[in-house]
Amino acid sequence: MRHPELREILVPRENATRETVRAFLGARGVADAEGRTLTLLACVDGLVFDRLVGGGGVLRDEIAGLVAAALRST
């Protein structure tokens, strides 16, 4: 984020995916659905990036685990 040319493309934006995830979490009574949405999407992005760099695919169970964690109350 120290590089202005990267900051513009890396800043989270409002989009259909974010709206869908926020609605999904909110409908399930997750407190701070917005915060959990940002965290969940950052984790998914990180997992996908890891697999792009290291090879391999993202397993359904890995995504399911991230979603389950987002749904847990703190």
N, C-alpha and C. Protein backbone atom coordinates (compact mmCIF):
# COMPACT_ATOMS: atom_id res chain seq x y z
N MET A 1 0.82 -1.20 0.00
CA MET A 1 0.00 0.00 0.00
C MET A 1 0.86 1.26 0.00
N ARG A 2 2.16 1.11 0.13
CA ARG A 2 3.03 2.28 0.10
C ARG A 2 3.22 2.81 -1.31
N HIS A 3 2.89 2.01 -2.30
CA HIS A 3 3.06 2.40 -3.69
C HIS A 3 1.72 2.89 -4.25
N PRO A 4 1.62 4.19 -4.54
CA PRO A 4 0.35 4.76 -5.01
C PRO A 4 -0.23 4.04 -6.22
N GLU A 5 0.62 3.57 -7.11
CA GLU A 5 0.12 2.90 -8.32
C GLU A 5 -0.55 1.56 -7.99
N LEU A 6 -0.16 0.94 -6.89
CA LEU A 6 -0.79 -0.32 -6.46
C LEU A 6 -1.99 -0.07 -5.55
N ARG A 7 -1.93 0.99 -4.77
CA ARG A 7 -3.00 1.29 -3.82
C ARG A 7 -4.36 1.34 -4.50
N GLU A 8 -4.41 1.97 -5.66
CA GLU A 8 -5.68 2.14 -6.37
C GLU A 8 -6.32 0.81 -6.74
N ILE A 9 -5.52 -0.18 -7.13
CA ILE A 9 -6.10 -1.46 -7.53
C ILE A 9 -6.31 -2.43 -6.36
N LEU A 10 -5.66 -2.16 -5.22
CA LEU A 10 -5.76 -3.07 -4.09
C LEU A 10 -6.79 -2.66 -3.04
N VAL A 11 -7.26 -1.44 -3.09
CA VAL A 11 -8.24 -0.98 -2.12
C VAL A 11 -9.56 -1.71 -2.36
N PRO A 12 -10.15 -2.32 -1.29
CA PRO A 12 -11.43 -3.02 -1.48
C PRO A 12 -12.50 -2.07 -2.02
N ARG A 13 -13.30 -2.56 -2.94
CA ARG A 13 -14.35 -1.77 -3.56
C ARG A 13 -15.69 -2.43 -3.36
N GLU A 14 -16.71 -1.62 -3.43
CA GLU A 14 -18.06 -2.16 -3.40
C GLU A 14 -18.32 -2.84 -4.73
N ASN A 15 -18.80 -4.06 -4.71
CA ASN A 15 -19.12 -4.78 -5.93
C ASN A 15 -20.17 -5.85 -5.62
N ALA A 16 -20.61 -6.55 -6.64
CA ALA A 16 -21.69 -7.53 -6.47
C ALA A 16 -21.30 -8.66 -5.53
N THR A 17 -20.06 -9.09 -5.59
CA THR A 17 -19.61 -10.17 -4.70
C THR A 17 -19.69 -9.71 -3.25
N ARG A 18 -19.19 -8.54 -3.00
CA ARG A 18 -19.21 -8.01 -1.63
C ARG A 18 -20.64 -7.85 -1.13
N GLU A 19 -21.52 -7.36 -1.97
CA GLU A 19 -22.93 -7.21 -1.58
C GLU A 19 -23.56 -8.56 -1.27
N THR A 20 -23.27 -9.57 -2.09
CA THR A 20 -23.83 -10.90 -1.90
C THR A 20 -23.33 -11.54 -0.60
N VAL A 21 -22.05 -11.44 -0.35
CA VAL A 21 -21.48 -12.01 0.88
C VAL A 21 -22.03 -11.29 2.10
N ARG A 22 -22.11 -9.97 2.05
CA ARG A 22 -22.64 -9.19 3.18
C ARG A 22 -24.10 -9.59 3.44
N ALA A 23 -24.90 -9.75 2.39
CA ALA A 23 -26.30 -10.15 2.55
C ALA A 23 -26.40 -11.57 3.12
N PHE A 24 -25.54 -12.46 2.66
CA PHE A 24 -25.52 -13.84 3.14
C PHE A 24 -25.22 -13.87 4.64
N LEU A 25 -24.19 -13.15 5.05
CA LEU A 25 -23.82 -13.14 6.47
C LEU A 25 -24.88 -12.43 7.30
N GLY A 26 -25.38 -11.32 6.81
CA GLY A 26 -26.41 -10.58 7.53
C GLY A 26 -27.68 -11.40 7.73
N ALA A 27 -28.08 -12.16 6.71
CA ALA A 27 -29.29 -12.98 6.79
C ALA A 27 -29.14 -14.09 7.82
N ARG A 28 -27.91 -14.43 8.16
CA ARG A 28 -27.65 -15.46 9.15
C ARG A 28 -27.34 -14.89 10.52
N GLY A 29 -27.60 -13.60 10.67
CA GLY A 29 -27.46 -12.96 11.97
C GLY A 29 -26.05 -12.68 12.42
N VAL A 30 -25.12 -12.64 11.50
CA VAL A 30 -23.73 -12.37 11.85
C VAL A 30 -23.59 -10.91 12.27
N ALA A 31 -23.08 -10.71 13.47
CA ALA A 31 -22.81 -9.34 13.93
C ALA A 31 -21.67 -8.77 13.09
N ASP A 32 -21.75 -7.51 12.78
CA ASP A 32 -20.74 -6.83 11.96
C ASP A 32 -20.54 -7.55 10.63
N ALA A 33 -21.63 -7.73 9.91
CA ALA A 33 -21.56 -8.42 8.62
C ALA A 33 -20.59 -7.73 7.67
N GLU A 34 -20.51 -6.41 7.72
CA GLU A 34 -19.57 -5.70 6.84
C GLU A 34 -18.13 -6.07 7.16
N GLY A 35 -17.77 -6.03 8.43
CA GLY A 35 -16.40 -6.39 8.83
C GLY A 35 -16.06 -7.83 8.50
N ARG A 36 -17.00 -8.73 8.77
CA ARG A 36 -16.77 -10.14 8.47
C ARG A 36 -16.69 -10.37 6.96
N THR A 37 -17.44 -9.60 6.20
CA THR A 37 -17.38 -9.72 4.74
C THR A 37 -15.98 -9.38 4.25
N LEU A 38 -15.44 -8.28 4.72
CA LEU A 38 -14.10 -7.87 4.30
C LEU A 38 -13.07 -8.92 4.69
N THR A 39 -13.19 -9.46 5.90
CA THR A 39 -12.25 -10.49 6.37
C THR A 39 -12.37 -11.76 5.54
N LEU A 40 -13.60 -12.20 5.32
CA LEU A 40 -13.81 -13.43 4.55
C LEU A 40 -13.27 -13.29 3.14
N LEU A 41 -13.58 -12.19 2.48
CA LEU A 41 -13.11 -12.01 1.11
C LEU A 41 -11.59 -11.87 1.05
N ALA A 42 -10.99 -11.25 2.05
CA ALA A 42 -9.53 -11.16 2.09
C ALA A 42 -8.91 -12.55 2.25
N CYS A 43 -9.52 -13.39 3.07
CA CYS A 43 -9.02 -14.76 3.25
C CYS A 43 -9.15 -15.57 1.97
N VAL A 44 -10.29 -15.46 1.32
CA VAL A 44 -10.49 -16.17 0.05
C VAL A 44 -9.50 -15.68 -1.00
N ASP A 45 -9.32 -14.37 -1.08
CA ASP A 45 -8.35 -13.82 -2.03
C ASP A 45 -6.95 -14.35 -1.75
N GLY A 46 -6.58 -14.40 -0.47
CA GLY A 46 -5.26 -14.91 -0.09
C GLY A 46 -5.09 -16.37 -0.45
N LEU A 47 -6.13 -17.16 -0.23
CA LEU A 47 -6.09 -18.58 -0.56
C LEU A 47 -5.94 -18.78 -2.06
N VAL A 48 -6.71 -18.04 -2.83
CA VAL A 48 -6.62 -18.14 -4.29
C VAL A 48 -5.23 -17.70 -4.76
N PHE A 49 -4.73 -16.60 -4.22
CA PHE A 49 -3.40 -16.11 -4.61
C PHE A 49 -2.33 -17.15 -4.29
N ASP A 50 -2.43 -17.76 -3.11
CA ASP A 50 -1.47 -18.79 -2.72
C ASP A 50 -1.46 -19.94 -3.73
N ARG A 51 -2.63 -20.34 -4.17
CA ARG A 51 -2.71 -21.45 -5.13
C ARG A 51 -2.25 -21.04 -6.51
N LEU A 52 -2.47 -19.78 -6.89
CA LEU A 52 -1.97 -19.31 -8.17
C LEU A 52 -0.46 -19.30 -8.20
N VAL A 53 0.14 -18.87 -7.10
CA VAL A 53 1.60 -18.78 -7.02
C VAL A 53 2.23 -20.15 -6.81
N GLY A 54 1.63 -20.94 -5.90
CA GLY A 54 2.23 -22.22 -5.54
C GLY A 54 1.74 -23.40 -6.35
N GLY A 55 0.71 -23.21 -7.10
CA GLY A 55 0.15 -24.31 -7.87
C GLY A 55 -0.93 -25.04 -7.08
N GLY A 56 -1.78 -25.72 -7.78
CA GLY A 56 -2.85 -26.46 -7.14
C GLY A 56 -4.15 -25.70 -7.20
N GLY A 57 -5.18 -26.35 -6.74
CA GLY A 57 -6.51 -25.75 -6.77
C GLY A 57 -7.01 -25.47 -5.37
N VAL A 58 -8.03 -24.66 -5.30
CA VAL A 58 -8.67 -24.36 -4.03
C VAL A 58 -9.75 -25.41 -3.82
N LEU A 59 -9.68 -26.10 -2.70
CA LEU A 59 -10.64 -27.15 -2.39
C LEU A 59 -11.92 -26.58 -1.79
N ARG A 60 -13.03 -27.19 -2.11
CA ARG A 60 -14.33 -26.78 -1.58
C ARG A 60 -14.31 -26.75 -0.05
N ASP A 61 -13.64 -27.73 0.56
CA ASP A 61 -13.57 -27.79 2.02
C ASP A 61 -12.83 -26.59 2.61
N GLU A 62 -11.85 -26.07 1.90
CA GLU A 62 -11.13 -24.90 2.38
C GLU A 62 -12.03 -23.68 2.40
N ILE A 63 -12.80 -23.49 1.34
CA ILE A 63 -13.73 -22.37 1.28
C ILE A 63 -14.82 -22.56 2.33
N ALA A 64 -15.32 -23.78 2.47
CA ALA A 64 -16.35 -24.06 3.47
C ALA A 64 -15.84 -23.74 4.88
N GLY A 65 -14.59 -24.04 5.14
CA GLY A 65 -14.01 -23.72 6.45
C GLY A 65 -13.94 -22.23 6.70
N LEU A 66 -13.60 -21.46 5.69
CA LEU A 66 -13.56 -20.01 5.83
C LEU A 66 -14.95 -19.44 6.07
N VAL A 67 -15.94 -19.95 5.35
CA VAL A 67 -17.32 -19.48 5.53
C VAL A 67 -17.81 -19.86 6.93
N ALA A 68 -17.52 -21.08 7.37
CA ALA A 68 -17.93 -21.51 8.73
C ALA A 68 -17.31 -20.61 9.78
N ALA A 69 -16.07 -20.24 9.61
CA ALA A 69 -15.40 -19.35 10.56
C ALA A 69 -16.07 -17.98 10.57
N ALA A 70 -16.47 -17.49 9.40
CA ALA A 70 -17.13 -16.18 9.31
C ALA A 70 -18.49 -16.21 9.99
N LEU A 71 -19.13 -17.36 10.00
CA LEU A 71 -20.45 -17.49 10.61
C LEU A 71 -20.42 -17.67 12.13
N ARG A 72 -19.27 -18.07 12.66
CA ARG A 72 -19.16 -18.28 14.10
C ARG A 72 -19.26 -16.97 14.86
N SER A 73 -19.91 -17.05 15.99
CA SER A 73 -19.95 -15.84 16.85
C SER A 73 -18.64 -15.77 17.62
N THR A 74 -18.26 -14.54 17.95
CA THR A 74 -16.99 -14.36 18.65
C THR A 74 -17.17 -14.45 20.14
